[in-house]
N, C-alpha and C. Protein backbone atom coordinates (compact mmCIF):
# COMPACT_ATOMS: atom_id res chain seq x y z
N UNK A 1 71.84 166.63 137.67
CA UNK A 1 71.48 166.00 136.95
C UNK A 1 71.41 164.92 136.73
N UNK A 2 72.41 165.12 135.31
CA UNK A 2 73.03 163.47 134.97
C UNK A 2 74.87 163.52 134.93
N UNK A 3 74.36 162.18 135.95
CA UNK A 3 76.20 162.04 136.41
C UNK A 3 76.72 162.12 135.53
N UNK A 4 78.14 161.30 135.48
CA UNK A 4 79.21 160.94 134.33
C UNK A 4 79.26 159.77 133.92
N UNK A 5 78.67 159.32 133.30
CA UNK A 5 78.43 158.40 131.97
C UNK A 5 79.73 157.34 131.92
N UNK A 6 80.05 155.82 131.93
CA UNK A 6 81.42 155.69 131.15
C UNK A 6 80.37 155.23 130.29
N UNK A 7 81.35 155.48 129.08
CA UNK A 7 81.17 154.56 127.73
C UNK A 7 81.88 152.98 128.17
N UNK A 8 81.25 152.67 126.51
CA UNK A 8 80.95 151.18 126.79
C UNK A 8 82.61 151.10 125.69
N UNK A 9 83.23 150.22 125.66
CA UNK A 9 84.30 149.72 124.62
C UNK A 9 84.00 148.27 124.37
N UNK A 10 83.77 148.18 123.01
CA UNK A 10 82.94 146.78 121.95
C UNK A 10 84.53 146.42 121.75
N UNK A 11 84.79 145.42 121.68
CA UNK A 11 85.97 144.78 120.47
C UNK A 11 86.13 144.85 119.08
N UNK A 12 87.20 145.34 119.02
CA UNK A 12 86.95 146.04 117.39
C UNK A 12 86.39 145.19 116.08
N UNK A 13 85.68 145.31 115.41
CA UNK A 13 84.84 144.27 114.06
C UNK A 13 86.11 144.81 113.21
N UNK A 14 87.09 143.75 112.54
CA UNK A 14 87.31 143.51 111.57
C UNK A 14 86.73 143.86 110.26
N UNK A 15 87.15 144.59 109.29
CA UNK A 15 86.34 144.41 108.20
C UNK A 15 87.94 144.19 107.12
N UNK A 16 87.85 143.32 106.24
CA UNK A 16 88.92 142.78 105.13
C UNK A 16 88.62 143.26 104.63
N UNK A 17 89.73 144.29 103.55
CA UNK A 17 89.48 144.55 102.42
C UNK A 17 90.88 143.13 101.64
N UNK A 18 90.09 142.60 100.34
CA UNK A 18 90.90 141.69 100.04
C UNK A 18 91.66 142.01 98.43
N UNK A 19 92.52 142.39 98.19
CA UNK A 19 93.05 143.00 97.14
C UNK A 19 94.44 141.86 96.02
N UNK A 20 94.51 141.63 95.04
CA UNK A 20 95.08 140.50 94.31
C UNK A 20 96.01 141.01 93.72
N UNK A 21 97.33 140.30 93.34
CA UNK A 21 98.06 140.96 92.69
C UNK A 21 98.75 139.39 91.92
N UNK A 22 99.19 139.58 90.58
CA UNK A 22 99.78 138.23 90.23
C UNK A 22 101.54 138.37 90.21
N UNK A 23 101.55 137.30 90.65
CA UNK A 23 102.82 136.68 90.75
C UNK A 23 103.41 135.94 90.12
N UNK A 24 104.21 135.65 88.60
CA UNK A 24 104.34 134.29 88.06
C UNK A 24 105.37 133.72 88.55
N UNK A 25 105.10 132.14 88.65
CA UNK A 25 105.77 131.25 88.54
C UNK A 25 106.74 130.70 87.36
N UNK A 26 107.27 130.21 87.54
CA UNK A 26 108.10 129.98 86.57
C UNK A 26 108.37 128.22 86.25
N UNK A 27 107.21 127.59 85.42
CA UNK A 27 106.91 126.28 85.06
C UNK A 27 108.02 125.87 84.36
N UNK A 28 108.44 124.94 84.04
CA UNK A 28 109.13 124.36 83.01
C UNK A 28 109.17 123.02 82.61
N UNK A 29 108.78 123.55 81.00
CA UNK A 29 108.24 122.17 80.83
C UNK A 29 109.46 121.52 79.74
N UNK A 30 110.20 120.57 79.93
CA UNK A 30 111.44 119.80 79.30
C UNK A 30 110.89 119.22 77.78
N UNK A 31 111.43 120.07 76.44
CA UNK A 31 111.02 118.91 75.51
C UNK A 31 112.57 118.63 74.69
N UNK A 32 112.10 117.22 74.49
CA UNK A 32 113.33 116.35 73.78
C UNK A 32 113.35 116.31 71.95
N UNK A 33 114.36 116.37 71.12
CA UNK A 33 113.57 116.51 69.71
C UNK A 33 114.41 115.33 69.65
N UNK A 34 114.54 114.63 69.12
CA UNK A 34 114.70 113.12 68.99
C UNK A 34 114.72 112.94 67.20
N UNK A 35 116.62 113.32 66.93
CA UNK A 35 116.63 112.95 65.39
C UNK A 35 117.03 111.39 65.35
N UNK A 36 115.74 110.84 64.36
CA UNK A 36 115.51 108.98 64.07
C UNK A 36 116.48 108.90 63.01
N UNK A 37 117.07 108.58 62.30
CA UNK A 37 117.59 108.40 61.48
C UNK A 37 117.28 106.34 60.93
N UNK A 38 116.85 106.24 60.18
CA UNK A 38 116.07 105.59 59.67
C UNK A 38 117.01 103.68 58.66
N UNK A 39 117.81 103.20 59.10
CA UNK A 39 118.28 102.40 58.28
C UNK A 39 117.47 101.46 57.22
N UNK A 40 117.46 101.57 56.44
CA UNK A 40 116.84 99.96 55.56
C UNK A 40 117.53 99.39 54.33
N UNK A 41 117.93 98.28 54.50
CA UNK A 41 118.94 97.67 53.53
C UNK A 41 118.64 97.59 52.06
N UNK A 42 118.95 97.78 51.19
CA UNK A 42 118.99 97.59 50.43
C UNK A 42 119.79 96.98 49.20
N UNK A 43 119.71 95.29 48.61
CA UNK A 43 120.46 94.41 47.51
C UNK A 43 121.34 95.58 46.79
N UNK A 44 122.20 95.24 46.84
CA UNK A 44 123.17 95.75 45.71
C UNK A 44 123.89 95.09 44.94
N UNK A 45 123.76 94.62 44.12
CA UNK A 45 124.77 93.27 43.63
C UNK A 45 125.68 93.93 42.60
N UNK A 46 126.67 92.72 42.93
CA UNK A 46 128.30 93.16 42.77
C UNK A 46 128.60 91.64 41.88
N UNK A 47 129.53 91.51 40.81
CA UNK A 47 129.19 90.53 39.78
C UNK A 47 130.67 90.46 39.55
N UNK A 48 130.94 88.94 40.53
CA UNK A 48 132.77 88.46 40.10
C UNK A 48 133.13 87.79 39.36
N UNK A 49 133.20 88.52 37.41
CA UNK A 49 133.67 87.31 37.10
C UNK A 49 134.85 86.74 36.81
N UNK A 50 135.14 85.88 36.20
CA UNK A 50 136.34 85.17 36.23
C UNK A 50 136.20 84.09 34.92
N UNK A 51 138.40 83.65 34.35
CA UNK A 51 138.28 83.32 32.95
C UNK A 51 138.38 82.15 33.26
N UNK A 52 137.77 81.04 32.57
CA UNK A 52 138.67 79.72 32.93
C UNK A 52 139.14 79.65 31.37
N UNK A 53 140.03 79.00 31.58
CA UNK A 53 140.47 78.14 29.96
C UNK A 53 140.38 76.10 30.78
N UNK A 54 139.42 75.49 29.33
CA UNK A 54 139.05 74.40 28.91
C UNK A 54 139.88 73.83 28.48
N UNK A 55 140.59 72.65 27.86
CA UNK A 55 141.23 72.34 27.05
C UNK A 55 140.23 70.79 27.08
N UNK A 56 139.22 70.66 25.29
CA UNK A 56 138.91 69.53 25.24
C UNK A 56 139.65 68.79 24.44
N UNK A 57 139.87 67.56 24.54
CA UNK A 57 140.90 66.34 24.40
C UNK A 57 139.93 65.74 23.00
N UNK A 58 140.05 66.34 21.72
CA UNK A 58 138.98 65.13 20.51
C UNK A 58 139.70 63.96 20.30
N UNK A 59 141.11 63.37 20.91
CA UNK A 59 141.30 62.69 20.42
C UNK A 59 142.31 62.46 18.83
N UNK A 60 142.87 61.32 18.53
CA UNK A 60 142.95 61.84 16.95
C UNK A 60 142.11 61.28 15.88
N UNK A 61 142.32 62.45 14.76
CA UNK A 61 140.61 61.79 14.00
C UNK A 61 141.45 61.59 12.78
N UNK A 62 142.21 60.90 12.70
CA UNK A 62 142.73 60.68 11.19
C UNK A 62 141.92 59.27 10.67
N UNK A 63 142.51 59.06 9.37
CA UNK A 63 141.16 57.85 8.77
C UNK A 63 141.26 56.80 9.36
N UNK A 64 140.59 56.01 9.94
CA UNK A 64 140.56 54.46 9.65
C UNK A 64 141.90 54.22 10.91
N UNK A 65 141.66 55.00 11.70
CA UNK A 65 142.47 54.68 13.34
C UNK A 65 141.66 54.48 13.86
N UNK A 66 141.36 53.54 14.92
CA UNK A 66 140.35 53.15 16.01
C UNK A 66 141.30 52.90 17.20
N UNK A 67 141.23 54.08 18.39
CA UNK A 67 141.32 53.39 19.39
C UNK A 67 142.53 51.98 19.92
N UNK A 68 143.34 51.61 20.71
CA UNK A 68 143.33 50.83 20.72
C UNK A 68 144.07 49.70 20.16
N UNK A 69 144.18 49.97 18.60
CA UNK A 69 144.17 49.02 17.74
C UNK A 69 145.17 49.32 16.83
N UNK A 70 146.04 48.63 16.24
CA UNK A 70 146.80 48.91 15.29
C UNK A 70 146.50 49.37 13.78
N UNK A 71 146.51 50.64 13.60
CA UNK A 71 146.88 51.20 11.91
C UNK A 71 146.41 49.83 11.10
N UNK A 72 145.57 49.49 10.29
CA UNK A 72 145.02 48.56 9.10
C UNK A 72 144.81 49.28 8.42
N UNK A 73 145.44 49.21 7.07
CA UNK A 73 144.51 49.82 6.12
C UNK A 73 143.98 48.56 5.47
N UNK A 74 142.70 48.82 5.20
CA UNK A 74 142.02 47.11 4.20
C UNK A 74 142.27 47.19 2.96
């Protein structure tokens, strides 16, 4: 009746099942802290005290005496 039949082999069909896993990758973000010191000029007054000795020549103040002339009494 029937003779031996040879099977037909087809190429394989791929069925992909994807699965996902987390893998952490380090990301480095540098942060620079700047400490500012702002200098503001503020005037500060210093007083330097000095003392002077002044001699005032008032001249001779006698009666009837005129400078440069002989002393005559009238």
